[in-house]
Amino acid sequence: MDTTVYTVKGMTCSGCMTKVTTAVNGVTGVSEVDADIATGEVTVVSEGPVDAELVRSAVEEAGYEVVG
């Protein structure tokens, strides 16, 4: 299993967290997503490598920004 942590700018409430989680769960290969609004971190678990640009695009389509 692969685990990657992204920092997402703009998540301020549970609704934001849900939007980001749903968007990233839609990326092929992603098996689990854990978003934390307190830290802005989104942890992505997958069976193998997932293209970071696909995750970034999903977050942006949900209306947020991956930083760093």
C-alpha atoms as a PDB file:
ATOM      1  CA  MET A   1       0.000   0.000   0.000  1.00  0.00           C
ATOM      2  CA  ASP A   2       1.096   3.540  -0.757  1.00  0.00           C
ATOM      3  CA  THR A   3       0.270   6.499   1.475  1.00  0.00           C
ATOM      4  CA  THR A   4       0.722  10.090   0.349  1.00  0.00           C
ATOM      5  CA  VAL A   5      -0.102  13.237   2.303  1.00  0.00           C
ATOM      6  CA  TYR A   6      -1.141  16.440   0.520  1.00  0.00           C
ATOM      7  CA  THR A   7      -1.673  19.870   2.045  1.00  0.00           C
ATOM      8  CA  VAL A   8      -4.902  21.446   0.830  1.00  0.00           C
ATOM      9  CA  LYS A   9      -5.599  25.158   1.158  1.00  0.00           C
ATOM     10  CA  GLY A  10      -9.131  26.380   1.800  1.00  0.00           C
ATOM     11  CA  MET A  11     -10.760  23.563   3.771  1.00  0.00           C
ATOM     12  CA  THR A  12     -12.512  25.342   6.630  1.00  0.00           C
ATOM     13  CA  CYS A  13     -15.492  23.151   7.553  1.00  0.00           C
ATOM     14  CA  SER A  14     -16.811  19.611   7.451  1.00  0.00           C
ATOM     15  CA  GLY A  15     -18.568  20.358   4.162  1.00  0.00           C
ATOM     16  CA  CYS A  16     -15.216  21.295   2.621  1.00  0.00           C
ATOM     17  CA  MET A  17     -13.691  18.116   3.968  1.00  0.00           C
ATOM     18  CA  THR A  18     -16.506  16.056   2.444  1.00  0.00           C
ATOM     19  CA  LYS A  19     -16.126  17.728  -0.968  1.00  0.00           C
ATOM     20  CA  VAL A  20     -12.382  17.065  -1.062  1.00  0.00           C
ATOM     21  CA  THR A  21     -12.750  13.496   0.207  1.00  0.00           C
ATOM     22  CA  THR A  22     -15.416  12.697  -2.394  1.00  0.00           C
ATOM     23  CA  ALA A  23     -13.381  14.245  -5.211  1.00  0.00           C
ATOM     24  CA  VAL A  24     -10.168  12.411  -4.343  1.00  0.00           C
ATOM     25  CA  ASN A  25     -12.016   9.111  -3.812  1.00  0.00           C
ATOM     26  CA  GLY A  26     -12.996   9.387  -7.477  1.00  0.00           C
ATOM     27  CA  VAL A  27      -9.367   9.148  -8.624  1.00  0.00           C
ATOM     28  CA  THR A  28      -8.554   5.742 -10.090  1.00  0.00           C
ATOM     29  CA  GLY A  29      -6.491   3.630  -7.705  1.00  0.00           C
ATOM     30  CA  VAL A  30      -7.392   5.519  -4.523  1.00  0.00           C
ATOM     31  CA  SER A  31      -8.722   3.180  -1.840  1.00  0.00           C
ATOM     32  CA  GLU A  32      -9.002   5.524   1.157  1.00  0.00           C
ATOM     33  CA  VAL A  33      -8.974   9.271   1.829  1.00  0.00           C
ATOM     34  CA  ASP A  34      -8.696  10.994   5.197  1.00  0.00           C
ATOM     35  CA  ALA A  35      -9.030  14.787   5.240  1.00  0.00           C
ATOM     36  CA  ASP A  36      -8.237  16.823   8.351  1.00  0.00           C
ATOM     37  CA  ILE A  37      -9.573  20.396   8.357  1.00  0.00           C
ATOM     38  CA  ALA A  38      -7.483  21.342  11.398  1.00  0.00           C
ATOM     39  CA  THR A  39      -4.183  20.672   9.624  1.00  0.00           C
ATOM     40  CA  GLY A  40      -5.305  20.956   6.002  1.00  0.00           C
ATOM     41  CA  GLU A  41      -3.807  17.544   5.336  1.00  0.00           C
ATOM     42  CA  VAL A  42      -5.381  14.997   3.045  1.00  0.00           C
ATOM     43  CA  THR A  43      -3.989  11.478   3.364  1.00  0.00           C
ATOM     44  CA  VAL A  44      -4.457   9.288   0.305  1.00  0.00           C
ATOM     45  CA  VAL A  45      -4.058   5.506   0.551  1.00  0.00           C
ATOM     46  CA  SER A  46      -3.801   3.375  -2.574  1.00  0.00           C
ATOM     47  CA  GLU A  47      -2.796  -0.119  -3.610  1.00  0.00           C
ATOM     48  CA  GLY A  48      -0.078   1.296  -5.852  1.00  0.00           C
ATOM     49  CA  PRO A  49       1.265   4.642  -7.022  1.00  0.00           C
ATOM     50  CA  VAL A  50      -1.357   7.241  -7.915  1.00  0.00           C
ATOM     51  CA  ASP A  51      -0.539  10.136 -10.238  1.00  0.00           C
ATOM     52  CA  ALA A  52      -0.210  13.222  -8.019  1.00  0.00           C
ATOM     53  CA  GLU A  53      -1.505  15.411 -10.848  1.00  0.00           C
ATOM     54  CA  LEU A  54      -4.780  13.463 -10.885  1.00  0.00           C
ATOM     55  CA  VAL A  55      -5.173  14.061  -7.151  1.00  0.00           C
ATOM     56  CA  ARG A  56      -4.288  17.744  -7.587  1.00  0.00           C
ATOM     57  CA  SER A  57      -6.837  18.084 -10.406  1.00  0.00           C
ATOM     58  CA  ALA A  58      -9.565  16.427  -8.328  1.00  0.00           C
ATOM     59  CA  VAL A  59      -8.898  18.800  -5.427  1.00  0.00           C
ATOM     60  CA  GLU A  60      -8.944  21.816  -7.753  1.00  0.00           C
ATOM     61  CA  GLU A  61     -12.183  20.688  -9.388  1.00  0.00           C
ATOM     62  CA  ALA A  62     -13.712  20.565  -5.892  1.00  0.00           C
ATOM     63  CA  GLY A  63     -12.696  24.215  -5.465  1.00  0.00           C
ATOM     64  CA  TYR A  64      -9.551  23.916  -3.340  1.00  0.00           C
ATOM     65  CA  GLU A  65      -5.799  24.076  -3.892  1.00  0.00           C
ATOM     66  CA  VAL A  66      -2.984  21.629  -3.195  1.00  0.00           C
ATOM     67  CA  VAL A  67       0.011  23.542  -1.838  1.00  0.00           C
ATOM     68  CA  GLY A  68       3.628  22.518  -1.503  1.00  0.00           C
END
